[in-house]
Amino acid sequence: MELRQLKYFVKTAETLSFSEAARICCVTQSTLSQQIKQLEQYLDSQLLIRTSHSVQLTEAGEELLPYARRTLQDATLCATRLNDLKSCLAGTLNIGVTYSFSPMLTETLVEFMKLYPKVKLNIFYRPMDELMEMLRTREVDFALAFKPSLPIPDVASHILFQNHLAVIVGEGHSLASLEKVTLQELSRYDLALPVKGLQARNALDQLLLKYPCELKIRIELNEVNILLKLIRHGKLATILAEASIHNETGVKAIPIDIPDNEMAGCVHTLKDSYHKRSMQEFIRLLGESAAIRERANAWL
C-alpha cells in the first residue's frame, strides 16, 4: 500500500469522478485508475463501483475513507515536523490573540519577521471563547490571552506575566491623579466598558459578584481601540487589564483597590500536541520582549 494510492482513492471518493480526481492529482486518468486497482488488489476488496456515467463507494470504500484521510493527515504532519528541522523555520504560523493582549504583541511580531522571513504569520484577533475553539480545531497553533477563571479541557495555559484589572482614564480625567481607586469611588463616574464575553469584562463581572457595586455603564463596545479613543478624548473611564494600554499615550491606568483582581497573561496550547519550531521560537521572543519583561518586573 502506498500513500499515493490512498491519495488517489480519497480524491476519487470525494469527487466521485476519475477525471476530476486525476486533474486534482495532476496525473492521467489511466494512471489514477490503475493505482486504485492495485490498492483494491492489495486489500482484496472492491472500493469503488464504476459505471460509464458514475462512480460510487462500496461498503468497503466507505469504511476505508476515514482511515485513508487520517493516514494522509498523519503523513503530512510527519513531513511538517521533518521540514521544520531541515528548513530552519519555514512554513506558516497561526496565532490567536485577544483584543486586550494585542498591544503586547507588536514588538515580537516585528522581531520575528526580521529573523525568520520565510515564515508566514496569520494573526487572528478574537474573543477568548472563539480562540479556544479555534485552538481545539487547530485553526491556530497557539493563543495569547489572559488566564480564564476556570481550566479549559485539553488546553494548557502557560503564564507569561501577572497583571491586574485597572481603571483606565484620560490624562485630564479627575481620577488620573489618584494612585488607586475603589469600586465605590468608581461608581460615581460614567463608564465605557468592553462587552460581556471579552476577558476584561468577564473578570470585572466576577469581581462584582464577590463585591457588589452599581456601576454607571453608559456604553459597551467590543473594540478596544475605539474604547481607548473614547477614554482619551472624553470624560468616560473604562476597566481593562493594565497591559491593554502598553505603549498607549494620553491614558493612565489606576489600580483598583480590591482583592482578587489579578489577570495572568498566558500562552494557551493544546495538551499533548506537536509544537512547531516556529511557534517555540515566537514564544521565546515574546517572553524576552520588553513588553513582557516590563509586566513581569512590575510584580517583583
Protein backbone atom coordinates (compact mmCIF):
# COMPACT_ATOMS: atom_id res chain seq x y z
CA MET A 1 0.00 0.00 0.00
CA GLU A 2 1.36 3.42 -0.98
CA LEU A 3 0.41 6.91 0.17
CA ARG A 4 -0.24 7.99 -3.40
CA GLN A 5 -2.74 5.16 -3.81
CA LEU A 6 -4.60 6.37 -0.72
CA LYS A 7 -4.45 9.94 -2.04
CA TYR A 8 -5.90 8.92 -5.41
CA PHE A 9 -8.62 6.89 -3.68
CA VAL A 10 -9.57 9.77 -1.34
CA LYS A 11 -9.79 12.30 -4.15
CA THR A 12 -11.89 9.94 -6.26
CA ALA A 13 -14.17 9.23 -3.29
CA GLU A 14 -14.58 12.95 -2.64
CA THR A 15 -15.25 13.94 -6.24
CA LEU A 16 -16.92 10.70 -7.40
CA SER A 17 -15.14 11.31 -10.69
CA PHE A 18 -11.99 9.66 -12.02
CA SER A 19 -11.35 12.52 -14.45
CA GLU A 20 -11.73 15.23 -11.79
CA ALA A 21 -9.62 13.32 -9.27
CA ALA A 22 -6.90 12.83 -11.89
CA ARG A 23 -6.95 16.54 -12.68
CA ILE A 24 -6.60 17.48 -9.00
CA CYS A 25 -3.77 14.95 -8.50
CA CYS A 26 -2.03 16.05 -11.72
CA VAL A 27 -1.88 12.54 -13.20
CA THR A 28 -3.55 10.87 -16.14
CA GLN A 29 -6.88 9.18 -15.58
CA SER A 30 -5.44 5.81 -16.57
CA THR A 31 -2.61 6.16 -14.02
CA LEU A 32 -5.05 7.05 -11.25
CA SER A 33 -7.39 4.18 -12.17
CA GLN A 34 -4.52 1.70 -12.27
CA GLN A 35 -3.19 2.75 -8.86
CA ILE A 36 -6.64 2.38 -7.27
CA LYS A 37 -6.97 -1.09 -8.82
CA GLN A 38 -3.62 -2.02 -7.24
CA LEU A 39 -4.90 -0.75 -3.89
CA GLU A 40 -8.04 -2.89 -4.26
CA GLN A 41 -5.89 -5.93 -5.08
CA TYR A 42 -3.70 -5.30 -2.03
CA LEU A 43 -6.76 -5.03 0.24
CA ASP A 44 -8.60 -7.82 -1.59
CA SER A 45 -11.70 -5.61 -1.59
CA GLN A 46 -13.55 -3.60 -4.21
CA LEU A 47 -13.59 0.03 -3.12
CA LEU A 48 -15.41 1.73 -5.99
CA ILE A 49 -18.30 0.81 -8.25
CA ARG A 50 -17.51 2.08 -11.73
CA THR A 51 -20.07 2.66 -14.46
CA SER A 52 -19.89 4.65 -17.67
CA HIS A 53 -21.72 7.53 -16.01
CA SER A 54 -20.93 7.44 -12.32
CA VAL A 55 -18.61 6.34 -9.51
CA GLN A 56 -19.88 5.10 -6.15
CA LEU A 57 -18.23 3.87 -2.98
CA THR A 58 -18.72 0.27 -1.93
CA GLU A 59 -19.23 -0.61 1.72
CA ALA A 60 -15.51 -1.36 1.93
CA GLY A 61 -14.75 2.01 0.35
CA GLU A 62 -16.92 3.80 2.90
CA GLU A 63 -15.08 2.00 5.68
CA LEU A 64 -11.64 2.80 4.29
CA LEU A 65 -12.23 6.51 3.56
CA PRO A 66 -11.87 7.98 7.10
CA TYR A 67 -8.79 5.84 7.79
CA ALA A 68 -7.23 6.87 4.49
CA ARG A 69 -7.82 10.54 5.27
CA ARG A 70 -6.32 10.16 8.73
CA THR A 71 -3.27 8.35 7.32
CA LEU A 72 -2.66 11.13 4.80
CA GLN A 73 -3.05 13.78 7.52
CA ASP A 74 -0.55 11.95 9.75
CA ALA A 75 1.87 11.67 6.84
CA THR A 76 1.59 15.41 6.22
CA LEU A 77 2.17 16.14 9.91
CA CYS A 78 5.24 13.91 9.86
CA ALA A 79 6.60 15.74 6.82
CA THR A 80 5.92 19.07 8.53
CA ARG A 81 7.95 18.06 11.56
CA LEU A 82 10.89 16.96 9.43
CA ASN A 83 10.63 20.08 7.29
CA ASP A 84 10.80 22.23 10.41
CA LEU A 85 14.10 20.58 11.27
CA LYS A 86 15.57 20.96 7.78
CA SER A 87 14.31 24.29 6.53
CA CYS A 88 15.04 26.47 9.55
CA LEU A 89 11.51 27.55 10.40
CA ALA A 90 9.86 27.78 7.03
CA GLY A 91 6.09 27.42 6.77
CA THR A 92 3.09 29.10 8.38
CA LEU A 93 2.37 30.08 11.98
CA ASN A 94 -1.23 30.78 13.02
CA ILE A 95 -1.59 32.90 16.16
CA GLY A 96 -4.77 33.73 18.04
CA VAL A 97 -4.84 36.92 20.13
CA THR A 98 -7.47 38.53 22.32
CA TYR A 99 -8.07 42.25 21.81
CA SER A 100 -6.71 43.15 25.26
CA PHE A 101 -3.49 41.22 24.67
CA SER A 102 -2.72 42.76 21.26
CA PRO A 103 -0.64 45.76 22.49
CA MET A 104 1.90 43.31 23.94
CA LEU A 105 2.47 41.68 20.56
CA THR A 106 3.84 44.35 18.21
CA GLU A 107 7.48 44.21 19.31
CA THR A 108 7.66 40.44 18.95
CA LEU A 109 5.93 40.44 15.54
CA VAL A 110 8.48 42.90 14.15
CA GLU A 111 11.44 40.96 15.60
CA PHE A 112 10.17 37.57 14.46
CA MET A 113 9.56 38.73 10.87
CA LYS A 114 13.06 40.20 10.78
CA LEU A 115 14.70 36.98 12.00
CA TYR A 116 12.52 34.48 10.09
CA PRO A 117 11.35 35.99 6.80
CA LYS A 118 10.39 32.57 5.40
CA VAL A 119 7.63 32.05 7.95
CA LYS A 120 4.20 33.41 7.06
CA LEU A 121 2.27 34.73 10.05
CA ASN A 122 -1.53 34.64 10.26
CA ILE A 123 -2.89 36.66 13.21
CA PHE A 124 -6.49 36.18 14.35
CA TYR A 125 -7.99 38.70 16.79
CA ARG A 126 -10.98 37.09 18.52
CA PRO A 127 -12.69 36.87 21.93
CA MET A 128 -11.36 34.21 24.29
CA ASP A 129 -14.12 31.64 23.66
CA GLU A 130 -13.66 31.80 19.89
CA LEU A 131 -9.89 31.43 20.21
CA MET A 132 -10.22 28.34 22.38
CA GLU A 133 -12.49 26.75 19.77
CA MET A 134 -10.00 27.65 17.02
CA LEU A 135 -7.26 26.08 19.12
CA ARG A 136 -9.24 22.86 19.58
CA THR A 137 -9.90 22.65 15.83
CA ARG A 138 -6.23 23.52 15.13
CA GLU A 139 -7.08 26.68 13.20
CA VAL A 140 -4.47 28.41 15.36
CA ASP A 141 -1.22 26.93 16.66
CA PHE A 142 -1.49 28.79 19.97
CA ALA A 143 -3.44 31.62 21.55
CA LEU A 144 -2.35 34.63 23.58
CA ALA A 145 -4.91 35.62 26.17
CA PHE A 146 -5.38 36.18 29.86
CA LYS A 147 -5.96 33.11 32.01
CA PRO A 148 -9.63 32.05 32.16
CA SER A 149 -11.37 31.79 35.51
CA LEU A 150 -11.84 28.03 35.03
CA PRO A 151 -9.49 25.49 33.38
CA ILE A 152 -10.35 24.61 29.77
CA PRO A 153 -10.31 20.88 28.87
CA ASP A 154 -7.39 19.82 26.65
CA VAL A 155 -5.81 23.29 26.86
CA ALA A 156 -2.59 24.08 28.74
CA SER A 157 -2.15 27.66 29.93
CA HIS A 158 1.46 28.81 30.44
CA ILE A 159 1.80 32.06 32.39
CA LEU A 160 3.94 34.79 30.79
CA PHE A 161 3.29 37.57 33.29
CA GLN A 162 0.97 38.64 36.08
CA ASN A 163 -1.32 41.62 35.51
CA HIS A 164 -4.39 43.17 37.09
CA LEU A 165 -7.59 44.97 36.24
CA ALA A 166 -7.25 48.72 36.31
CA VAL A 167 -9.36 51.81 35.75
CA ILE A 168 -8.23 53.44 32.50
CA VAL A 169 -8.81 57.19 32.14
CA GLY A 170 -7.61 60.06 30.01
CA GLU A 171 -4.79 62.15 31.44
CA GLY A 172 -7.23 65.02 32.10
CA HIS A 173 -9.78 62.90 33.98
CA SER A 174 -10.38 63.72 37.66
CA LEU A 175 -9.35 60.18 38.62
CA ALA A 176 -5.98 60.48 36.87
CA SER A 177 -4.28 61.96 39.96
CA LEU A 178 -5.17 59.01 42.19
CA GLU A 179 -2.79 56.13 42.96
CA LYS A 180 -5.66 53.68 43.40
CA VAL A 181 -9.45 53.68 43.28
CA THR A 182 -12.19 51.61 44.92
CA LEU A 183 -15.28 50.31 43.15
CA GLN A 184 -17.42 52.58 45.34
CA GLU A 185 -15.44 55.62 44.21
CA LEU A 186 -15.67 54.46 40.61
CA SER A 187 -19.46 54.11 40.85
CA ARG A 188 -19.77 57.91 40.77
CA TYR A 189 -18.31 58.14 37.24
CA ASP A 190 -19.67 57.32 33.78
CA LEU A 191 -18.10 54.21 32.29
CA ALA A 192 -17.47 52.81 28.83
CA LEU A 193 -16.89 49.07 29.18
CA PRO A 194 -15.93 46.17 26.93
CA VAL A 195 -18.93 43.99 26.12
CA LYS A 196 -19.71 40.81 28.03
CA GLY A 197 -17.63 37.96 26.67
CA LEU A 198 -14.38 39.89 26.43
CA GLN A 199 -11.89 38.85 29.09
CA ALA A 200 -11.59 42.12 30.99
CA ARG A 201 -15.38 42.36 31.23
CA ASN A 202 -15.66 38.74 32.37
CA ALA A 203 -13.07 39.39 35.08
CA LEU A 204 -14.92 42.54 36.20
CA ASP A 205 -18.25 40.72 36.34
CA GLN A 206 -16.66 38.01 38.50
CA LEU A 207 -15.40 40.68 40.92
CA LEU A 208 -18.82 42.33 41.07
CA LEU A 209 -20.34 39.00 42.12
CA LYS A 210 -18.00 38.99 45.14
CA TYR A 211 -18.11 42.74 45.79
CA PRO A 212 -21.49 44.05 44.56
CA CYS A 213 -21.48 47.61 43.31
CA GLU A 214 -23.78 49.53 40.96
CA LEU A 215 -21.71 50.97 38.13
CA LYS A 216 -22.87 53.69 35.71
CA ILE A 217 -22.33 51.99 32.35
CA ARG A 218 -23.01 54.49 29.56
CA ILE A 219 -21.69 52.48 26.60
CA GLU A 220 -20.40 48.99 25.82
CA LEU A 221 -18.01 48.19 22.95
CA ASN A 222 -16.34 45.10 21.50
CA GLU A 223 -13.43 47.06 20.01
CA VAL A 224 -10.70 48.05 22.46
CA ASN A 225 -9.02 50.59 20.16
CA ILE A 226 -12.25 52.59 19.77
CA LEU A 227 -12.87 52.25 23.50
CA LEU A 228 -9.48 53.82 24.25
CA LYS A 229 -10.19 56.68 21.82
CA LEU A 230 -13.36 57.48 23.78
CA ILE A 231 -11.42 57.40 27.04
CA ARG A 232 -8.56 59.52 25.69
CA HIS A 233 -10.77 62.29 24.36
CA GLY A 234 -13.73 62.20 26.73
CA LYS A 235 -14.77 62.17 30.38
CA LEU A 236 -15.50 58.45 30.47
CA ALA A 237 -13.49 55.81 32.33
CA THR A 238 -13.14 52.13 31.49
CA ILE A 239 -11.87 48.96 33.15
CA LEU A 240 -9.30 46.81 31.33
CA ALA A 241 -6.23 44.77 32.05
CA GLU A 242 -3.43 47.23 32.79
CA ALA A 243 -1.39 45.65 29.97
CA SER A 244 -4.01 46.76 27.46
CA ILE A 245 -2.55 50.27 27.37
CA HIS A 246 1.06 49.23 26.73
CA ASN A 247 2.63 51.93 24.52
CA GLU A 248 -0.63 53.90 24.50
CA THR A 249 -0.34 57.66 25.05
CA GLY A 250 -2.84 60.05 26.61
CA VAL A 251 -4.28 57.48 29.03
CA LYS A 252 -3.41 56.28 32.51
CA ALA A 253 -4.04 53.02 34.39
CA ILE A 254 -5.10 53.29 38.03
CA PRO A 255 -5.09 50.07 40.09
CA ILE A 256 -8.45 49.00 41.52
CA ASP A 257 -8.18 48.74 45.30
CA ILE A 258 -9.83 45.35 45.65
CA PRO A 259 -8.56 41.80 46.27
CA ASP A 260 -8.56 39.05 43.63
CA ASN A 261 -8.24 41.31 40.60
CA GLU A 262 -5.18 39.62 39.10
CA MET A 263 -5.16 38.60 35.44
CA ALA A 264 -2.34 36.33 34.28
CA GLY A 265 -1.18 36.77 30.68
CA CYS A 266 -0.81 33.31 29.17
CA VAL A 267 0.18 31.30 26.13
CA HIS A 268 -2.53 28.69 25.54
CA THR A 269 -1.67 25.48 23.70
CA LEU A 270 -3.33 22.13 23.11
CA LYS A 271 -2.17 19.47 25.54
CA ASP A 272 -0.09 16.62 24.10
CA SER A 273 0.12 18.26 20.67
CA TYR A 274 3.06 18.88 18.36
CA HIS A 275 4.55 22.36 18.73
CA LYS A 276 6.11 23.82 15.59
CA ARG A 277 9.64 25.14 15.94
CA SER A 278 8.37 28.49 14.65
CA MET A 279 5.84 28.54 17.49
CA GLN A 280 8.51 27.74 20.07
CA GLU A 281 10.73 30.50 18.72
CA PHE A 282 7.91 33.06 18.66
CA ILE A 283 7.01 32.30 22.28
CA ARG A 284 10.68 32.58 23.27
CA LEU A 285 10.95 36.01 21.65
CA LEU A 286 7.68 37.10 23.25
CA GLY A 287 8.92 36.09 26.70
CA GLU A 288 12.11 38.10 26.16
CA SER A 289 10.33 41.19 24.78
CA ALA A 290 10.42 44.48 26.66
CA ALA A 291 6.60 44.48 26.87
CA ILE A 292 6.50 41.17 28.75
CA ARG A 293 9.59 41.86 30.89
CA GLU A 294 8.11 45.20 31.94
CA ARG A 295 4.92 43.48 33.09
CA ALA A 296 6.85 40.70 34.85
CA ASN A 297 9.19 43.11 36.67
CA ALA A 298 6.23 45.15 37.91
CA TRP A 299 5.23 42.20 40.10
CA LEU A 300 8.69 41.52 41.59
